[in-house]
């Protein structure tokens, strides 16, 4: 499924999992810009709490008329922080915003 051409824009509810792909890069343009802003904080937390630098968030697509079968999508996201009990991670989603996700080791 090609998601590059499909974008959902809703001001009141942003779609965290859509961003602008950059050819040959691991992260979207929005993730790279957000990482530039908070890069030192993310690196300090990764060292202090022994967090991964990148976490692959896996989500399932919703069935539609065009794509009736569900597919698993993987989004590589830079890690910003984590919970003390190590069950959730704060990552930079493809749209450049911080998002808490379940940490499945």
N, C-alpha and C. Protein backbone atom coordinates (compact mmCIF):
# COMPACT_ATOMS: atom_id res chain seq x y z
N UNK A 1 0.85 -1.17 0.00
CA UNK A 1 0.00 0.00 0.00
C UNK A 1 0.89 1.23 0.00
N UNK A 2 0.70 2.10 -0.94
CA UNK A 2 1.48 3.33 -1.04
C UNK A 2 0.76 4.43 -0.28
N UNK A 3 1.35 4.88 0.87
CA UNK A 3 0.70 5.92 1.66
C UNK A 3 1.23 7.30 1.34
N UNK A 4 2.22 7.38 0.44
CA UNK A 4 2.83 8.68 0.14
C UNK A 4 1.83 9.65 -0.47
N UNK A 5 0.92 9.16 -1.29
CA UNK A 5 -0.02 10.04 -1.96
C UNK A 5 -1.30 10.29 -1.17
N UNK A 6 -1.48 9.57 -0.07
CA UNK A 6 -2.71 9.68 0.71
C UNK A 6 -2.42 10.38 2.02
N UNK A 7 -3.02 11.54 2.23
CA UNK A 7 -2.82 12.28 3.48
C UNK A 7 -4.17 12.72 4.01
N UNK A 8 -4.36 12.53 5.29
CA UNK A 8 -5.57 12.97 5.95
C UNK A 8 -5.21 14.17 6.80
N UNK A 9 -5.83 15.31 6.52
CA UNK A 9 -5.52 16.53 7.26
C UNK A 9 -6.78 16.97 7.99
N UNK A 10 -6.73 16.91 9.29
CA UNK A 10 -7.83 17.36 10.13
C UNK A 10 -7.23 18.21 11.23
N UNK A 11 -7.49 19.51 11.25
CA UNK A 11 -6.87 20.39 12.24
C UNK A 11 -7.11 19.98 13.69
N UNK A 12 -8.30 19.49 14.01
CA UNK A 12 -8.61 19.16 15.39
C UNK A 12 -8.05 17.81 15.82
N UNK A 13 -7.74 16.94 14.90
CA UNK A 13 -7.21 15.63 15.23
C UNK A 13 -6.12 15.26 14.21
N UNK A 14 -4.87 15.58 14.52
CA UNK A 14 -3.80 15.29 13.56
C UNK A 14 -3.58 13.79 13.40
N UNK A 15 -3.16 13.39 12.23
CA UNK A 15 -2.82 11.99 11.97
C UNK A 15 -1.32 11.84 12.21
N UNK A 16 -0.97 11.22 13.31
CA UNK A 16 0.44 11.09 13.70
C UNK A 16 1.25 10.24 12.72
N UNK A 17 0.61 9.37 11.98
CA UNK A 17 1.34 8.36 11.22
C UNK A 17 1.49 8.70 9.74
N UNK A 18 1.33 9.97 9.38
CA UNK A 18 1.60 10.42 8.01
C UNK A 18 2.63 11.54 8.07
N UNK A 19 3.65 11.44 7.24
CA UNK A 19 4.69 12.47 7.18
C UNK A 19 5.21 12.56 5.75
N UNK A 20 6.15 13.45 5.54
CA UNK A 20 6.74 13.64 4.22
C UNK A 20 7.98 12.77 4.10
N UNK A 21 7.94 11.72 3.26
CA UNK A 21 9.11 10.86 3.12
C UNK A 21 10.27 11.60 2.47
N UNK A 22 11.48 11.23 2.88
CA UNK A 22 12.70 11.78 2.31
C UNK A 22 13.45 10.61 1.66
N UNK A 23 13.77 10.74 0.38
CA UNK A 23 14.43 9.66 -0.34
C UNK A 23 15.76 9.30 0.32
N UNK A 24 15.92 8.01 0.62
CA UNK A 24 17.16 7.51 1.19
C UNK A 24 17.33 7.75 2.68
N UNK A 25 16.35 8.35 3.34
CA UNK A 25 16.45 8.65 4.77
C UNK A 25 15.55 7.71 5.57
N UNK A 26 15.93 7.45 6.81
CA UNK A 26 15.14 6.59 7.68
C UNK A 26 13.89 7.30 8.18
N UNK A 27 14.02 8.61 8.46
CA UNK A 27 12.93 9.37 9.06
C UNK A 27 12.30 10.33 8.05
N UNK A 28 11.07 10.76 8.36
CA UNK A 28 10.39 11.74 7.52
C UNK A 28 11.01 13.12 7.76
N UNK A 29 10.66 14.07 6.92
CA UNK A 29 11.17 15.44 7.07
C UNK A 29 10.73 16.04 8.41
N UNK A 30 9.50 15.76 8.82
CA UNK A 30 8.98 16.28 10.08
C UNK A 30 9.70 15.68 11.28
N UNK A 31 10.00 14.37 11.22
CA UNK A 31 10.74 13.72 12.30
C UNK A 31 12.15 14.31 12.43
N UNK A 32 12.79 14.53 11.30
CA UNK A 32 14.15 15.08 11.30
C UNK A 32 14.16 16.48 11.90
N UNK A 33 13.18 17.31 11.55
CA UNK A 33 13.10 18.66 12.11
C UNK A 33 12.85 18.62 13.61
N UNK A 34 11.94 17.76 14.07
CA UNK A 34 11.65 17.65 15.50
C UNK A 34 12.86 17.12 16.26
N UNK A 35 13.57 16.17 15.66
CA UNK A 35 14.76 15.59 16.31
C UNK A 35 15.86 16.63 16.44
N UNK A 36 15.96 17.52 15.44
CA UNK A 36 16.94 18.59 15.51
C UNK A 36 16.65 19.52 16.69
N UNK A 37 15.36 19.76 16.96
CA UNK A 37 14.97 20.65 18.06
C UNK A 37 15.24 20.04 19.43
N UNK A 38 14.98 18.73 19.58
CA UNK A 38 15.09 18.11 20.90
C UNK A 38 16.15 17.02 20.95
N UNK A 39 17.05 17.01 19.99
CA UNK A 39 18.03 15.94 19.87
C UNK A 39 18.84 15.66 21.13
N UNK A 40 19.33 16.69 21.80
CA UNK A 40 20.18 16.47 22.97
C UNK A 40 19.38 15.87 24.12
N UNK A 41 18.10 16.27 24.26
CA UNK A 41 17.25 15.70 25.31
C UNK A 41 17.01 14.22 25.05
N UNK A 42 16.76 13.87 23.80
CA UNK A 42 16.52 12.48 23.45
C UNK A 42 17.77 11.63 23.70
N UNK A 43 18.92 12.13 23.30
CA UNK A 43 20.17 11.38 23.50
C UNK A 43 20.48 11.21 24.98
N UNK A 44 20.26 12.22 25.79
CA UNK A 44 20.50 12.13 27.23
C UNK A 44 19.59 11.08 27.87
N UNK A 45 18.31 11.08 27.50
CA UNK A 45 17.37 10.09 28.04
C UNK A 45 17.73 8.68 27.59
N UNK A 46 18.17 8.53 26.34
CA UNK A 46 18.54 7.20 25.85
C UNK A 46 19.70 6.63 26.65
N UNK A 47 20.69 7.48 26.95
CA UNK A 47 21.84 7.01 27.74
C UNK A 47 21.44 6.74 29.18
N UNK A 48 20.72 7.68 29.78
CA UNK A 48 20.37 7.59 31.20
C UNK A 48 19.47 6.38 31.49
N UNK A 49 18.49 6.15 30.64
CA UNK A 49 17.51 5.09 30.90
C UNK A 49 17.71 3.85 30.02
N UNK A 50 18.80 3.80 29.29
CA UNK A 50 19.12 2.67 28.40
C UNK A 50 17.97 2.36 27.45
N UNK A 51 17.57 3.39 26.72
CA UNK A 51 16.49 3.26 25.74
C UNK A 51 17.07 3.07 24.35
N UNK A 52 16.32 2.44 23.45
CA UNK A 52 16.79 2.35 22.07
C UNK A 52 16.76 3.72 21.39
N UNK A 53 17.61 3.94 20.41
CA UNK A 53 17.61 5.21 19.68
C UNK A 53 16.43 5.28 18.71
N UNK A 54 16.07 4.12 18.14
CA UNK A 54 14.97 4.04 17.18
C UNK A 54 14.07 2.88 17.59
N UNK A 55 12.77 3.09 17.50
CA UNK A 55 11.81 2.03 17.79
C UNK A 55 10.87 1.91 16.60
N UNK A 56 10.66 0.69 16.13
CA UNK A 56 9.75 0.44 15.01
C UNK A 56 8.33 0.27 15.55
N UNK A 57 7.48 1.25 15.29
CA UNK A 57 6.08 1.19 15.71
C UNK A 57 5.32 0.42 14.64
N UNK A 58 4.61 -0.61 15.06
CA UNK A 58 3.84 -1.44 14.12
C UNK A 58 2.35 -1.21 14.36
N UNK A 59 1.65 -0.82 13.31
CA UNK A 59 0.21 -0.57 13.37
C UNK A 59 -0.48 -1.34 12.24
N UNK A 60 -1.73 -1.67 12.46
CA UNK A 60 -2.53 -2.34 11.43
C UNK A 60 -3.40 -1.33 10.71
N UNK A 61 -3.51 -1.48 9.39
CA UNK A 61 -4.39 -0.61 8.62
C UNK A 61 -5.84 -1.04 8.82
N UNK A 62 -6.75 -0.12 8.65
CA UNK A 62 -8.18 -0.43 8.72
C UNK A 62 -8.64 -0.89 7.34
N UNK A 63 -9.52 -1.89 7.29
CA UNK A 63 -10.02 -2.33 5.98
C UNK A 63 -10.86 -1.24 5.30
N UNK A 64 -10.67 -1.09 4.01
CA UNK A 64 -11.46 -0.15 3.22
C UNK A 64 -12.02 -0.87 2.01
N UNK A 65 -12.81 -0.18 1.22
CA UNK A 65 -13.37 -0.79 0.01
C UNK A 65 -12.25 -1.13 -0.98
N UNK A 66 -11.22 -0.26 -1.06
CA UNK A 66 -10.11 -0.50 -1.98
C UNK A 66 -9.16 -1.59 -1.46
N UNK A 67 -8.94 -1.62 -0.15
CA UNK A 67 -8.02 -2.58 0.48
C UNK A 67 -8.78 -3.33 1.58
N UNK A 68 -9.52 -4.40 1.23
CA UNK A 68 -10.32 -5.08 2.24
C UNK A 68 -9.49 -5.84 3.29
N UNK A 69 -8.29 -6.25 2.93
CA UNK A 69 -7.44 -6.99 3.87
C UNK A 69 -6.62 -6.02 4.72
N UNK A 70 -6.51 -6.32 6.01
CA UNK A 70 -5.70 -5.49 6.89
C UNK A 70 -4.22 -5.80 6.65
N UNK A 71 -3.39 -4.77 6.72
CA UNK A 71 -1.94 -4.93 6.54
C UNK A 71 -1.23 -4.29 7.72
N UNK A 72 -0.09 -4.85 8.06
CA UNK A 72 0.71 -4.27 9.13
C UNK A 72 1.70 -3.27 8.54
N UNK A 73 1.71 -2.05 9.11
CA UNK A 73 2.62 -1.01 8.67
C UNK A 73 3.67 -0.81 9.76
N UNK A 74 4.91 -0.55 9.37
CA UNK A 74 5.98 -0.31 10.32
C UNK A 74 6.53 1.09 10.11
N UNK A 75 6.64 1.85 11.21
CA UNK A 75 7.15 3.21 11.16
C UNK A 75 8.37 3.33 12.07
N UNK A 76 9.57 3.54 11.52
CA UNK A 76 10.72 3.77 12.38
C UNK A 76 10.63 5.15 13.02
N UNK A 77 10.71 5.20 14.35
CA UNK A 77 10.54 6.46 15.07
C UNK A 77 11.68 6.68 16.06
N UNK A 78 12.25 7.89 16.11
CA UNK A 78 13.26 8.20 17.12
C UNK A 78 12.63 8.21 18.51
N UNK A 79 13.35 7.67 19.48
CA UNK A 79 12.85 7.59 20.86
C UNK A 79 13.26 8.84 21.62
N UNK A 80 12.31 9.43 22.35
CA UNK A 80 12.56 10.62 23.15
C UNK A 80 12.71 10.25 24.62
N UNK A 81 11.81 9.40 25.12
CA UNK A 81 11.80 9.06 26.54
C UNK A 81 11.04 7.77 26.74
N UNK A 82 10.99 7.31 27.98
CA UNK A 82 10.25 6.11 28.32
C UNK A 82 9.71 6.20 29.73
N UNK A 83 8.76 5.31 30.06
CA UNK A 83 8.22 5.28 31.42
C UNK A 83 9.17 4.50 32.33
N UNK A 84 9.04 4.74 33.62
CA UNK A 84 9.92 4.06 34.57
C UNK A 84 9.70 2.56 34.58
N UNK A 85 8.47 2.12 34.37
CA UNK A 85 8.21 0.67 34.38
C UNK A 85 8.53 0.02 33.03
N UNK A 86 9.04 0.82 32.08
CA UNK A 86 9.50 0.33 30.78
C UNK A 86 8.40 -0.34 29.96
N UNK A 87 7.19 0.21 30.04
CA UNK A 87 6.08 -0.34 29.25
C UNK A 87 5.68 0.56 28.09
N UNK A 88 6.08 1.85 28.14
CA UNK A 88 5.72 2.79 27.08
C UNK A 88 6.92 3.64 26.71
N UNK A 89 6.94 4.04 25.44
CA UNK A 89 7.99 4.92 24.92
C UNK A 89 7.36 6.17 24.33
N UNK A 90 8.03 7.29 24.50
CA UNK A 90 7.64 8.51 23.82
C UNK A 90 8.51 8.59 22.57
N UNK A 91 7.88 8.57 21.40
CA UNK A 91 8.62 8.61 20.14
C UNK A 91 8.19 9.85 19.35
N UNK A 92 8.98 10.18 18.35
CA UNK A 92 8.59 11.23 17.42
C UNK A 92 7.91 10.54 16.25
N UNK A 93 6.60 10.75 16.13
CA UNK A 93 5.81 10.11 15.08
C UNK A 93 6.18 10.71 13.72
N UNK A 94 5.81 10.05 12.63
CA UNK A 94 6.15 10.57 11.30
C UNK A 94 5.69 11.99 11.01
N UNK A 95 4.66 12.50 11.72
CA UNK A 95 4.23 13.88 11.47
C UNK A 95 5.04 14.89 12.29
N UNK A 96 6.02 14.41 13.09
CA UNK A 96 6.89 15.30 13.85
C UNK A 96 6.45 15.57 15.27
N UNK A 97 5.31 15.03 15.69
CA UNK A 97 4.81 15.24 17.05
C UNK A 97 5.19 14.08 17.95
N UNK A 98 5.37 14.37 19.24
CA UNK A 98 5.67 13.31 20.19
C UNK A 98 4.41 12.50 20.45
N UNK A 99 4.59 11.18 20.55
CA UNK A 99 3.47 10.26 20.74
C UNK A 99 3.92 9.13 21.65
N UNK A 100 3.10 8.77 22.64
CA UNK A 100 3.40 7.65 23.52
C UNK A 100 2.86 6.37 22.89
N UNK A 101 3.70 5.33 22.87
CA UNK A 101 3.31 4.03 22.30
C UNK A 101 3.69 2.92 23.28
N UNK A 102 3.01 1.77 23.14
CA UNK A 102 3.35 0.61 23.96
C UNK A 102 4.70 0.07 23.53
N UNK A 103 5.54 -0.27 24.50
CA UNK A 103 6.87 -0.79 24.21
C UNK A 103 6.82 -2.30 24.24
N UNK A 104 6.84 -2.91 23.06
CA UNK A 104 6.81 -4.36 22.94
C UNK A 104 8.23 -4.82 22.65
N UNK A 105 8.88 -5.38 23.64
CA UNK A 105 10.28 -5.78 23.49
C UNK A 105 10.40 -7.11 22.80
